[in-house]
Amino acid sequence: MKRNWLRTIIGGLSFSSALFVFQACYGMPQDYGLDINIKGQVKSKTSGLPIEGIKVSVADRPQFEMTDKDGKFSFYTEWFGNIKVQFEDVDSTLNGLYSNKDTVIEHFTHAVDLDIKLDEK
C-alpha cells in the first residue's frame, strides 16, 4: 500500500517534469491575431532611388528597424488602434540629408505595405 502511493507521487512528478521541459524547449504558441506586419520601401522624393539607413519606428514603442540597401524594411508590432510610424534619417550625411516624416495608419488588416518618399533637406 505504501509503495503504491510512492509510485503514484514519483510518476506524477516525472510526468509534470516532462511537460515542463517540453514547454521550455518548444515554447507557447504566439498570439497571431494581435500582431500586424508593417513593411515597405523608403525612396528619395526627387531622385526616386531607395534610401539606406532610415530608422523606421512606431511612436511610443522602443521597437525600430533600419532600411536596407534597397530601402526596404519589415517588422511586426502589436496592434493597438491607430499606429504612428516615424521615419528618421539617423545616419546624417552618409546617404544625404532627408527630412523626417510621420505617417498614421488608421485602417488595416494584418499587413500594411507602405511606399514612403522623403524630401531632401
Protein backbone atom coordinates (compact mmCIF):
# COMPACT_ATOMS: atom_id res chain seq x y z
CA MET A 1 0.00 0.00 0.00
CA LYS A 2 2.76 2.42 0.97
CA ARG A 3 4.69 1.51 -2.13
CA ASN A 4 1.72 2.34 -4.45
CA TRP A 5 1.47 5.87 -3.02
CA LEU A 6 5.17 6.42 -3.51
CA ARG A 7 4.97 5.13 -7.08
CA THR A 8 1.99 7.44 -7.82
CA ILE A 9 3.78 10.51 -6.44
CA ILE A 10 7.00 9.80 -8.33
CA GLY A 11 5.07 9.06 -11.53
CA GLY A 12 3.14 12.34 -11.24
CA LEU A 13 6.32 14.33 -10.63
CA SER A 14 8.03 12.69 -13.59
CA PHE A 15 5.10 13.49 -15.90
CA SER A 16 4.99 17.12 -14.67
CA SER A 17 8.73 17.47 -15.21
CA ALA A 18 8.44 16.13 -18.76
CA LEU A 19 5.69 18.65 -19.56
CA PHE A 20 7.78 21.50 -18.12
CA VAL A 21 10.79 20.52 -20.23
CA PHE A 22 8.63 20.29 -23.37
CA GLN A 23 7.21 23.79 -22.77
CA ALA A 24 10.68 25.20 -22.06
CA CYS A 25 12.08 23.76 -25.29
CA TYR A 26 9.21 24.46 -27.67
CA GLY A 27 7.51 27.46 -26.03
CA MET A 28 3.93 28.56 -26.21
CA PRO A 29 2.07 29.49 -29.40
CA GLN A 30 2.12 33.18 -30.34
CA ASP A 31 -0.92 35.44 -30.39
CA TYR A 32 -1.23 35.66 -34.16
CA GLY A 33 -4.42 37.70 -34.03
CA LEU A 34 -2.93 40.78 -32.32
CA ASP A 35 0.18 41.39 -34.45
CA ILE A 36 0.45 43.44 -37.61
CA ASN A 37 3.20 43.27 -40.23
CA ILE A 38 4.41 46.69 -41.34
CA LYS A 39 6.66 46.61 -44.39
CA GLY A 40 7.57 48.87 -47.26
CA GLN A 41 10.24 50.87 -49.03
CA VAL A 42 11.69 54.34 -48.47
CA LYS A 43 12.79 56.35 -51.52
CA SER A 44 14.02 59.84 -52.28
CA LYS A 45 11.23 62.11 -53.47
CA THR A 46 13.44 63.87 -56.02
CA SER A 47 15.51 61.02 -57.47
CA GLY A 48 13.22 58.05 -56.77
CA LEU A 49 16.20 56.00 -55.55
CA PRO A 50 15.97 53.83 -52.42
CA ILE A 51 17.47 55.22 -49.21
CA GLU A 52 19.53 53.04 -46.88
CA GLY A 53 19.88 53.79 -43.17
CA ILE A 54 16.50 55.33 -42.40
CA LYS A 55 15.20 54.47 -38.92
CA VAL A 56 11.58 53.26 -39.12
CA SER A 57 9.87 53.15 -35.72
CA VAL A 58 6.48 53.02 -34.07
CA ALA A 59 5.77 56.05 -31.87
CA ASP A 60 5.79 55.38 -28.12
CA ARG A 61 7.47 51.99 -28.63
CA PRO A 62 11.15 51.08 -28.30
CA GLN A 63 10.86 48.99 -31.47
CA PHE A 64 12.54 50.11 -34.70
CA GLU A 65 14.01 48.78 -37.95
CA MET A 66 16.63 50.27 -40.27
CA THR A 67 16.12 50.29 -44.04
CA ASP A 68 18.46 48.04 -46.04
CA LYS A 69 20.40 48.91 -49.20
CA ASP A 70 17.18 48.63 -51.23
CA GLY A 71 15.37 50.99 -48.85
CA LYS A 72 13.17 48.14 -47.59
CA PHE A 73 12.03 47.43 -44.06
CA SER A 74 9.74 44.91 -42.39
CA PHE A 75 8.72 44.26 -38.78
CA TYR A 76 5.85 43.04 -36.66
CA THR A 77 4.26 45.17 -33.98
CA GLU A 78 1.32 44.84 -31.65
CA TRP A 79 -1.99 46.15 -32.91
CA PHE A 80 -3.31 48.86 -30.60
CA GLY A 81 -5.56 51.11 -32.70
CA ASN A 82 -4.11 53.81 -34.94
CA ILE A 83 -0.36 53.34 -35.41
CA LYS A 84 2.01 56.27 -35.91
CA VAL A 85 5.08 55.22 -37.90
CA GLN A 86 8.08 57.56 -37.88
CA PHE A 87 10.84 57.80 -40.48
CA GLU A 88 14.10 59.42 -39.34
CA ASP A 89 17.41 60.00 -41.12
CA VAL A 90 19.80 58.98 -38.33
CA ASP A 91 22.96 58.41 -40.38
CA SER A 92 23.14 62.11 -41.37
CA THR A 93 25.31 62.65 -44.39
CA LEU A 94 26.06 59.01 -45.26
CA ASN A 95 23.28 58.86 -47.86
CA GLY A 96 22.42 62.55 -47.96
CA LEU A 97 20.20 64.55 -45.64
CA TYR A 98 16.49 63.77 -45.57
CA SER A 99 13.60 65.31 -43.65
CA ASN A 100 11.83 63.25 -41.03
CA LYS A 101 8.32 62.08 -41.79
CA ASP A 102 5.43 60.66 -39.74
CA THR A 103 2.62 58.51 -41.07
CA VAL A 104 -0.52 57.40 -39.25
CA ILE A 105 -2.01 54.04 -40.19
CA GLU A 106 -5.73 54.02 -39.43
CA HIS A 107 -7.36 51.24 -41.44
CA PHE A 108 -5.51 47.97 -41.87
CA THR A 109 -5.83 44.22 -41.71
CA HIS A 110 -2.90 42.01 -40.68
CA ALA A 111 -0.35 43.59 -43.04
CA VAL A 112 0.47 47.10 -44.21
CA ASP A 113 2.66 47.90 -47.21
CA LEU A 114 4.00 51.47 -47.22
CA ASP A 115 5.69 53.36 -50.05
CA ILE A 116 7.39 56.37 -48.44
CA LYS A 117 9.07 59.24 -50.27
CA LEU A 118 11.31 61.57 -48.23
CA ASP A 119 12.25 65.15 -49.10
CA GLU A 120 15.90 66.12 -49.18
CA LYS A 121 16.97 68.88 -46.78
